[in-house]
Amino acid sequence: MNKIVSIIGIISVVSVMLLSVNEQVQAKSYTSNYSDGYEQGKSAGKDDSQNNNGHNSKCPENDSLTWCLGYKVGYEVGYFANNAIEGS
């Protein structure tokens, strides 16, 4: 009986450790997606501003919500930072 309890305890500890690792991987994935979207959005916003294409922060289709949020924030930074520099 003690061996069964020990085995169940070990399995529980390993399960918790694996869940923790999975959460860390997911968190890194979210930040990576956000960062990729941010950088692409910032570049697109800067290009639109420099080329007088007008403001269009709409996310390209088929991207994750996290990537899209990063894209929108990056776009605003790229678009309006470029305008602020030119206006000063």
PDB file of N, CA and C in Angstrom:
ATOM      1  N   MET A   1       0.818  -1.199   0.000  1.00  0.00           N
ATOM      2  CA  MET A   1       0.000   0.000   0.000  1.00  0.00           C
ATOM      3  C   MET A   1       0.858   1.256   0.000  1.00  0.00           C
ATOM      4  N   ASN A   2       1.953   1.264   0.765  1.00  0.00           N
ATOM      5  CA  ASN A   2       2.833   2.428   0.812  1.00  0.00           C
ATOM      6  C   ASN A   2       3.494   2.680  -0.543  1.00  0.00           C
ATOM      7  N   LYS A   3       3.802   1.591  -1.265  1.00  0.00           N
ATOM      8  CA  LYS A   3       4.416   1.745  -2.584  1.00  0.00           C
ATOM      9  C   LYS A   3       3.440   2.421  -3.555  1.00  0.00           C
ATOM     10  N   ILE A   4       2.183   2.068  -3.465  1.00  0.00           N
ATOM     11  CA  ILE A   4       1.164   2.669  -4.336  1.00  0.00           C
ATOM     12  C   ILE A   4       1.025   4.152  -4.020  1.00  0.00           C
ATOM     13  N   VAL A   5       1.008   4.508  -2.761  1.00  0.00           N
ATOM     14  CA  VAL A   5       0.896   5.909  -2.355  1.00  0.00           C
ATOM     15  C   VAL A   5       2.125   6.684  -2.832  1.00  0.00           C
ATOM     16  N   SER A   6       3.304   6.079  -2.708  1.00  0.00           N
ATOM     17  CA  SER A   6       4.537   6.729  -3.167  1.00  0.00           C
ATOM     18  C   SER A   6       4.513   6.946  -4.675  1.00  0.00           C
ATOM     19  N   ILE A   7       4.080   5.941  -5.407  1.00  0.00           N
ATOM     20  CA  ILE A   7       4.006   6.057  -6.870  1.00  0.00           C
ATOM     21  C   ILE A   7       3.019   7.135  -7.271  1.00  0.00           C
ATOM     22  N   ILE A   8       1.875   7.186  -6.622  1.00  0.00           N
ATOM     23  CA  ILE A   8       0.872   8.209  -6.915  1.00  0.00           C
ATOM     24  C   ILE A   8       1.442   9.596  -6.599  1.00  0.00           C
ATOM     25  N   GLY A   9       2.183   9.713  -5.503  1.00  0.00           N
ATOM     26  CA  GLY A   9       2.818  10.985  -5.136  1.00  0.00           C
ATOM     27  C   GLY A   9       3.823  11.430  -6.173  1.00  0.00           C
ATOM     28  N   ILE A  10       4.645  10.502  -6.647  1.00  0.00           N
ATOM     29  CA  ILE A  10       5.643  10.823  -7.664  1.00  0.00           C
ATOM     30  C   ILE A  10       4.965  11.246  -8.959  1.00  0.00           C
ATOM     31  N   ILE A  11       3.932  10.529  -9.355  1.00  0.00           N
ATOM     32  CA  ILE A  11       3.193  10.877 -10.578  1.00  0.00           C
ATOM     33  C   ILE A  11       2.579  12.276 -10.437  1.00  0.00           C
ATOM     34  N   SER A  12       2.063  12.593  -9.274  1.00  0.00           N
ATOM     35  CA  SER A  12       1.473  13.918  -9.050  1.00  0.00           C
ATOM     36  C   SER A  12       2.509  15.019  -9.172  1.00  0.00           C
ATOM     37  N   VAL A  13       3.681  14.804  -8.582  1.00  0.00           N
ATOM     38  CA  VAL A  13       4.745  15.811  -8.642  1.00  0.00           C
ATOM     39  C   VAL A  13       5.211  16.014 -10.087  1.00  0.00           C
ATOM     40  N   VAL A  14       5.401  14.917 -10.805  1.00  0.00           N
ATOM     41  CA  VAL A  14       5.829  15.006 -12.200  1.00  0.00           C
ATOM     42  C   VAL A  14       4.767  15.723 -13.033  1.00  0.00           C
ATOM     43  N   SER A  15       3.512  15.431 -12.789  1.00  0.00           N
ATOM     44  CA  SER A  15       2.422  16.091 -13.531  1.00  0.00           C
ATOM     45  C   SER A  15       2.435  17.592 -13.298  1.00  0.00           C
ATOM     46  N   VAL A  16       2.626  18.012 -12.067  1.00  0.00           N
ATOM     47  CA  VAL A  16       2.671  19.443 -11.742  1.00  0.00           C
ATOM     48  C   VAL A  16       3.868  20.103 -12.426  1.00  0.00           C
ATOM     49  N   MET A  17       4.997  19.419 -12.434  1.00  0.00           N
ATOM     50  CA  MET A  17       6.190  19.965 -13.093  1.00  0.00           C
ATOM     51  C   MET A  17       5.962  20.121 -14.592  1.00  0.00           C
ATOM     52  N   LEU A  18       5.334  19.139 -15.205  1.00  0.00           N
ATOM     53  CA  LEU A  18       5.069  19.213 -16.638  1.00  0.00           C
ATOM     54  C   LEU A  18       4.089  20.330 -16.964  1.00  0.00           C
ATOM     55  N   LEU A  19       3.087  20.532 -16.123  1.00  0.00           N
ATOM     56  CA  LEU A  19       2.141  21.627 -16.339  1.00  0.00           C
ATOM     57  C   LEU A  19       2.853  22.970 -16.247  1.00  0.00           C
ATOM     58  N   SER A  20       3.758  23.097 -15.285  1.00  0.00           N
ATOM     59  CA  SER A  20       4.505  24.335 -15.116  1.00  0.00           C
ATOM     60  C   SER A  20       5.351  24.628 -16.346  1.00  0.00           C
ATOM     61  N   VAL A  21       6.032  23.622 -16.873  1.00  0.00           N
ATOM     62  CA  VAL A  21       6.844  23.793 -18.083  1.00  0.00           C
ATOM     63  C   VAL A  21       5.952  24.176 -19.260  1.00  0.00           C
ATOM     64  N   ASN A  22       4.796  23.526 -19.385  1.00  0.00           N
ATOM     65  CA  ASN A  22       3.864  23.838 -20.473  1.00  0.00           C
ATOM     66  C   ASN A  22       3.390  25.288 -20.392  1.00  0.00           C
ATOM     67  N   GLU A  23       3.103  25.778 -19.185  1.00  0.00           N
ATOM     68  CA  GLU A  23       2.669  27.161 -19.019  1.00  0.00           C
ATOM     69  C   GLU A  23       3.776  28.129 -19.421  1.00  0.00           C
ATOM     70  N   GLN A  24       5.021  27.807 -19.093  1.00  0.00           N
ATOM     71  CA  GLN A  24       6.138  28.668 -19.468  1.00  0.00           C
ATOM     72  C   GLN A  24       6.310  28.708 -20.978  1.00  0.00           C
ATOM     73  N   VAL A  25       6.163  27.564 -21.630  1.00  0.00           N
ATOM     74  CA  VAL A  25       6.267  27.509 -23.085  1.00  0.00           C
ATOM     75  C   VAL A  25       5.162  28.333 -23.724  1.00  0.00           C
ATOM     76  N   GLN A  26       3.937  28.219 -23.200  1.00  0.00           N
ATOM     77  CA  GLN A  26       2.829  29.001 -23.740  1.00  0.00           C
ATOM     78  C   GLN A  26       3.064  30.494 -23.534  1.00  0.00           C
ATOM     79  N   ALA A  27       3.558  30.883 -22.369  1.00  0.00           N
ATOM     80  CA  ALA A  27       3.821  32.298 -22.095  1.00  0.00           C
ATOM     81  C   ALA A  27       4.868  32.838 -23.064  1.00  0.00           C
ATOM     82  N   LYS A  28       5.918  32.064 -23.310  1.00  0.00           N
ATOM     83  CA  LYS A  28       6.945  32.490 -24.254  1.00  0.00           C
ATOM     84  C   LYS A  28       6.359  32.602 -25.658  1.00  0.00           C
ATOM     85  N   SER A  29       5.476  31.685 -25.997  1.00  0.00           N
ATOM     86  CA  SER A  29       4.835  31.718 -27.306  1.00  0.00           C
ATOM     87  C   SER A  29       4.004  32.992 -27.460  1.00  0.00           C
ATOM     88  N   TYR A  30       3.268  33.368 -26.411  1.00  0.00           N
ATOM     89  CA  TYR A  30       2.451  34.576 -26.469  1.00  0.00           C
ATOM     90  C   TYR A  30       3.322  35.821 -26.642  1.00  0.00           C
ATOM     91  N   THR A  31       4.396  35.911 -25.857  1.00  0.00           N
ATOM     92  CA  THR A  31       5.245  37.097 -25.956  1.00  0.00           C
ATOM     93  C   THR A  31       5.956  37.137 -27.299  1.00  0.00           C
ATOM     94  N   SER A  32       6.335  35.991 -27.816  1.00  0.00           N
ATOM     95  CA  SER A  32       6.984  35.936 -29.122  1.00  0.00           C
ATOM     96  C   SER A  32       6.012  36.373 -30.216  1.00  0.00           C
ATOM     97  N   ASN A  33       4.784  35.886 -30.162  1.00  0.00           N
ATOM     98  CA  ASN A  33       3.765  36.294 -31.138  1.00  0.00           C
ATOM     99  C   ASN A  33       3.509  37.795 -31.062  1.00  0.00           C
ATOM    100  N   TYR A  34       3.392  38.319 -29.843  1.00  0.00           N
ATOM    101  CA  TYR A  34       3.151  39.752 -29.659  1.00  0.00           C
ATOM    102  C   TYR A  34       4.310  40.554 -30.241  1.00  0.00           C
ATOM    103  N   SER A  35       5.532  40.141 -29.912  1.00  0.00           N
ATOM    104  CA  SER A  35       6.723  40.863 -30.386  1.00  0.00           C
ATOM    105  C   SER A  35       6.828  40.839 -31.904  1.00  0.00           C
ATOM    106  N   ASP A  36       6.559  39.686 -32.502  1.00  0.00           N
ATOM    107  CA  ASP A  36       6.595  39.594 -33.969  1.00  0.00           C
ATOM    108  C   ASP A  36       5.558  40.523 -34.596  1.00  0.00           C
ATOM    109  N   GLY A  37       4.355  40.502 -34.059  1.00  0.00           N
ATOM    110  CA  GLY A  37       3.299  41.383 -34.569  1.00  0.00           C
ATOM    111  C   GLY A  37       3.646  42.847 -34.380  1.00  0.00           C
ATOM    112  N   TYR A  38       4.214  43.169 -33.210  1.00  0.00           N
ATOM    113  CA  TYR A  38       4.599  44.548 -32.910  1.00  0.00           C
ATOM    114  C   TYR A  38       5.623  45.060 -33.922  1.00  0.00           C
ATOM    115  N   GLU A  39       6.660  44.272 -34.153  1.00  0.00           N
ATOM    116  CA  GLU A  39       7.721  44.698 -35.077  1.00  0.00           C
ATOM    117  C   GLU A  39       7.187  44.870 -36.501  1.00  0.00           C
ATOM    118  N   GLN A  40       6.355  43.942 -36.945  1.00  0.00           N
ATOM    119  CA  GLN A  40       5.790  44.053 -38.293  1.00  0.00           C
ATOM    120  C   GLN A  40       4.835  45.237 -38.396  1.00  0.00           C
ATOM    121  N   GLY A  41       4.040  45.451 -37.343  1.00  0.00           N
ATOM    122  CA  GLY A  41       3.123  46.585 -37.337  1.00  0.00           C
ATOM    123  C   GLY A  41       3.852  47.912 -37.309  1.00  0.00           C
ATOM    124  N   LYS A  42       4.908  47.981 -36.523  1.00  0.00           N
ATOM    125  CA  LYS A  42       5.694  49.213 -36.432  1.00  0.00           C
ATOM    126  C   LYS A  42       6.300  49.560 -37.790  1.00  0.00           C
ATOM    127  N   SER A  43       6.823  48.564 -38.453  1.00  0.00           N
ATOM    128  CA  SER A  43       7.401  48.773 -39.781  1.00  0.00           C
ATOM    129  C   SER A  43       6.337  49.220 -40.788  1.00  0.00           C
ATOM    130  N   ALA A  44       5.181  48.569 -40.748  1.00  0.00           N
ATOM    131  CA  ALA A  44       4.095  48.927 -41.666  1.00  0.00           C
ATOM    132  C   ALA A  44       3.593  50.344 -41.389  1.00  0.00           C
ATOM    133  N   GLY A  45       3.466  50.703 -40.120  1.00  0.00           N
ATOM    134  CA  GLY A  45       3.016  52.052 -39.773  1.00  0.00           C
ATOM    135  C   GLY A  45       3.991  53.115 -40.219  1.00  0.00           C
ATOM    136  N   LYS A  46       5.256  52.852 -40.022  1.00  0.00           N
ATOM    137  CA  LYS A  46       6.292  53.795 -40.452  1.00  0.00           C
ATOM    138  C   LYS A  46       6.267  53.957 -41.974  1.00  0.00           C
ATOM    139  N   ASP A  47       6.158  52.839 -42.680  1.00  0.00           N
ATOM    140  CA  ASP A  47       6.098  52.894 -44.154  1.00  0.00           C
ATOM    141  C   ASP A  47       4.883  53.680 -44.632  1.00  0.00           C
ATOM    142  N   ASP A  48       3.713  53.408 -44.022  1.00  0.00           N
ATOM    143  CA  ASP A  48       2.499  54.127 -44.424  1.00  0.00           C
ATOM    144  C   ASP A  48       2.644  55.619 -44.180  1.00  0.00           C
ATOM    145  N   SER A  49       3.209  55.975 -43.038  1.00  0.00           N
ATOM    146  CA  SER A  49       3.370  57.388 -42.703  1.00  0.00           C
ATOM    147  C   SER A  49       4.341  58.078 -43.650  1.00  0.00           C
ATOM    148  N   GLN A  50       5.466  57.445 -43.937  1.00  0.00           N
ATOM    149  CA  GLN A  50       6.476  58.047 -44.817  1.00  0.00           C
ATOM    150  C   GLN A  50       5.980  58.175 -46.256  1.00  0.00           C
ATOM    151  N   ASN A  51       5.134  57.247 -46.679  1.00  0.00           N
ATOM    152  CA  ASN A  51       4.657  57.246 -48.061  1.00  0.00           C
ATOM    153  C   ASN A  51       3.279  57.880 -48.220  1.00  0.00           C
ATOM    154  N   ASN A  52       2.790  58.527 -47.163  1.00  0.00           N
ATOM    155  CA  ASN A  52       1.483  59.188 -47.182  1.00  0.00           C
ATOM    156  C   ASN A  52       0.365  58.253 -47.638  1.00  0.00           C
ATOM    157  N   ASN A  53       0.406  56.998 -47.169  1.00  0.00           N
ATOM    158  CA  ASN A  53      -0.620  56.020 -47.535  1.00  0.00           C
ATOM    159  C   ASN A  53      -1.860  56.094 -46.657  1.00  0.00           C
ATOM    160  N   GLY A  54      -1.868  56.931 -45.678  1.00  0.00           N
ATOM    161  CA  GLY A  54      -2.995  57.000 -44.766  1.00  0.00           C
ATOM    162  C   GLY A  54      -2.857  55.958 -43.665  1.00  0.00           C
ATOM    163  N   HIS A  55      -3.669  56.114 -42.677  1.00  0.00           N
ATOM    164  CA  HIS A  55      -3.625  55.253 -41.486  1.00  0.00           C
ATOM    165  C   HIS A  55      -4.476  54.012 -41.712  1.00  0.00           C
ATOM    166  N   ASN A  56      -3.869  52.821 -41.552  1.00  0.00           N
ATOM    167  CA  ASN A  56      -4.608  51.566 -41.697  1.00  0.00           C
ATOM    168  C   ASN A  56      -3.958  50.510 -40.805  1.00  0.00           C
ATOM    169  N   SER A  57      -4.401  50.444 -39.565  1.00  0.00           N
ATOM    170  CA  SER A  57      -3.801  49.512 -38.604  1.00  0.00           C
ATOM    171  C   SER A  57      -4.506  48.157 -38.571  1.00  0.00           C
ATOM    172  N   LYS A  58      -5.342  47.895 -39.574  1.00  0.00           N
ATOM    173  CA  LYS A  58      -6.062  46.621 -39.615  1.00  0.00           C
ATOM    174  C   LYS A  58      -5.073  45.462 -39.720  1.00  0.00           C
ATOM    175  N   CYS A  59      -5.291  44.446 -38.901  1.00  0.00           N
ATOM    176  CA  CYS A  59      -4.417  43.270 -38.918  1.00  0.00           C
ATOM    177  C   CYS A  59      -4.610  42.466 -40.200  1.00  0.00           C
ATOM    178  N   PRO A  60      -3.504  41.959 -40.739  1.00  0.00           N
ATOM    179  CA  PRO A  60      -3.641  41.026 -41.854  1.00  0.00           C
ATOM    180  C   PRO A  60      -4.459  39.813 -41.405  1.00  0.00           C
ATOM    181  N   GLU A  61      -5.134  39.165 -42.298  1.00  0.00           N
ATOM    182  CA  GLU A  61      -5.995  38.032 -41.945  1.00  0.00           C
ATOM    183  C   GLU A  61      -5.189  36.824 -41.487  1.00  0.00           C
ATOM    184  N   ASN A  62      -5.868  35.938 -40.786  1.00  0.00           N
ATOM    185  CA  ASN A  62      -5.339  34.646 -40.349  1.00  0.00           C
ATOM    186  C   ASN A  62      -4.192  34.733 -39.360  1.00  0.00           C
ATOM    187  N   ASP A  63      -4.153  35.744 -38.518  1.00  0.00           N
ATOM    188  CA  ASP A  63      -3.139  35.817 -37.476  1.00  0.00           C
ATOM    189  C   ASP A  63      -3.801  35.686 -36.117  1.00  0.00           C
ATOM    190  N   SER A  64      -3.017  35.294 -35.125  1.00  0.00           N
ATOM    191  CA  SER A  64      -3.554  35.079 -33.781  1.00  0.00           C
ATOM    192  C   SER A  64      -3.933  36.412 -33.141  1.00  0.00           C
ATOM    193  N   LEU A  65      -4.767  36.344 -32.141  1.00  0.00           N
ATOM    194  CA  LEU A  65      -5.193  37.534 -31.416  1.00  0.00           C
ATOM    195  C   LEU A  65      -3.998  38.238 -30.785  1.00  0.00           C
ATOM    196  N   THR A  66      -3.072  37.453 -30.236  1.00  0.00           N
ATOM    197  CA  THR A  66      -1.889  38.028 -29.598  1.00  0.00           C
ATOM    198  C   THR A  66      -1.024  38.759 -30.623  1.00  0.00           C
ATOM    199  N   TRP A  67      -0.807  38.128 -31.774  1.00  0.00           N
ATOM    200  CA  TRP A  67      -0.014  38.754 -32.838  1.00  0.00           C
ATOM    201  C   TRP A  67      -0.695  40.037 -33.306  1.00  0.00           C
ATOM    202  N   CYS A  68      -2.000  39.982 -33.463  1.00  0.00           N
ATOM    203  CA  CYS A  68      -2.768  41.133 -33.946  1.00  0.00           C
ATOM    204  C   CYS A  68      -2.689  42.303 -32.958  1.00  0.00           C
ATOM    205  N   LEU A  69      -2.775  42.019 -31.677  1.00  0.00           N
ATOM    206  CA  LEU A  69      -2.659  43.077 -30.675  1.00  0.00           C
ATOM    207  C   LEU A  69      -1.290  43.741 -30.777  1.00  0.00           C
ATOM    208  N   GLY A  70      -0.242  42.938 -30.889  1.00  0.00           N
ATOM    209  CA  GLY A  70       1.097  43.494 -31.051  1.00  0.00           C
ATOM    210  C   GLY A  70       1.208  44.321 -32.325  1.00  0.00           C
ATOM    211  N   TYR A  71       0.617  43.820 -33.413  1.00  0.00           N
ATOM    212  CA  TYR A  71       0.639  44.533 -34.693  1.00  0.00           C
ATOM    213  C   TYR A  71      -0.018  45.907 -34.560  1.00  0.00           C
ATOM    214  N   LYS A  72      -1.195  45.945 -33.949  1.00  0.00           N
ATOM    215  CA  LYS A  72      -1.921  47.210 -33.819  1.00  0.00           C
ATOM    216  C   LYS A  72      -1.144  48.231 -32.989  1.00  0.00           C
ATOM    217  N   VAL A  73      -0.588  47.778 -31.875  1.00  0.00           N
ATOM    218  CA  VAL A  73       0.189  48.688 -31.027  1.00  0.00           C
ATOM    219  C   VAL A  73       1.439  49.158 -31.777  1.00  0.00           C
ATOM    220  N   GLY A  74       2.138  48.232 -32.408  1.00  0.00           N
ATOM    221  CA  GLY A  74       3.328  48.595 -33.172  1.00  0.00           C
ATOM    222  C   GLY A  74       3.022  49.542 -34.316  1.00  0.00           C
ATOM    223  N   TYR A  75       1.906  49.311 -34.984  1.00  0.00           N
ATOM    224  CA  TYR A  75       1.511  50.174 -36.096  1.00  0.00           C
ATOM    225  C   TYR A  75       1.334  51.610 -35.618  1.00  0.00           C
ATOM    226  N   GLU A  76       0.615  51.766 -34.513  1.00  0.00           N
ATOM    227  CA  GLU A  76       0.378  53.112 -33.972  1.00  0.00           C
ATOM    228  C   GLU A  76       1.700  53.791 -33.629  1.00  0.00           C
ATOM    229  N   VAL A  77       2.595  53.062 -32.998  1.00  0.00           N
ATOM    230  CA  VAL A  77       3.908  53.623 -32.640  1.00  0.00           C
ATOM    231  C   VAL A  77       4.663  54.035 -33.903  1.00  0.00           C
ATOM    232  N   GLY A  78       4.717  53.163 -34.877  1.00  0.00           N
ATOM    233  CA  GLY A  78       5.438  53.467 -36.111  1.00  0.00           C
ATOM    234  C   GLY A  78       4.833  54.623 -36.887  1.00  0.00           C
ATOM    235  N   TYR A  79       3.527  54.643 -36.961  1.00  0.00           N
ATOM    236  CA  TYR A  79       2.840  55.669 -37.747  1.00  0.00           C
ATOM    237  C   TYR A  79       2.952  57.045 -37.090  1.00  0.00           C
ATOM    238  N   PHE A  80       2.617  57.108 -35.805  1.00  0.00           N
ATOM    239  CA  PHE A  80       2.572  58.411 -35.147  1.00  0.00           C
ATOM    240  C   PHE A  80       3.940  58.899 -34.697  1.00  0.00           C
ATOM    241  N   ALA A  81       4.869  58.014 -34.411  1.00  0.00           N
ATOM    242  CA  ALA A  81       6.222  58.458 -34.051  1.00  0.00           C
ATOM    243  C   ALA A  81       6.875  59.120 -35.253  1.00  0.00           C
ATOM    244  N   ASN A  82       6.660  58.560 -36.420  1.00  0.00           N
ATOM    245  CA  ASN A  82       7.224  59.153 -37.636  1.00  0.00           C
ATOM    246  C   ASN A  82       6.617  60.533 -37.890  1.00  0.00           C
ATOM    247  N   ASN A  83       5.320  60.680 -37.673  1.00  0.00           N
ATOM    248  CA  ASN A  83       4.664  61.987 -37.857  1.00  0.00           C
ATOM    249  C   ASN A  83       5.159  62.991 -36.837  1.00  0.00           C
ATOM    250  N   ALA A  84       5.403  62.557 -35.611  1.00  0.00           N
ATOM    251  CA  ALA A  84       5.866  63.458 -34.563  1.00  0.00           C
ATOM    252  C   ALA A  84       7.275  63.964 -34.867  1.00  0.00           C
ATOM    253  N   ILE A  85       8.107  63.087 -35.414  1.00  0.00           N
ATOM    254  CA  ILE A  85       9.466  63.480 -35.753  1.00  0.00           C
ATOM    255  C   ILE A  85       9.455  64.504 -36.885  1.00  0.00           C
ATOM    256  N   GLU A  86       8.630  64.262 -37.894  1.00  0.00           N
ATOM    257  CA  GLU A  86       8.554  65.184 -39.028  1.00  0.00           C
ATOM    258  C   GLU A  86       7.943  66.518 -38.640  1.00  0.00           C
ATOM    259  N   GLY A  87       7.004  66.500 -37.668  1.00  0.00           N
ATOM    260  CA  GLY A  87       6.322  67.709 -37.267  1.00  0.00           C
ATOM    261  C   GLY A  87       7.152  68.609 -36.353  1.00  0.00           C
ATOM    262  N   SER A  88       8.212  68.097 -35.793  1.00  0.00           N
ATOM    263  CA  SER A  88       8.994  68.923 -34.861  1.00  0.00           C
ATOM    264  C   SER A  88      10.002  69.773 -35.553  1.00  0.00           C
TER     265      SER A  88
END
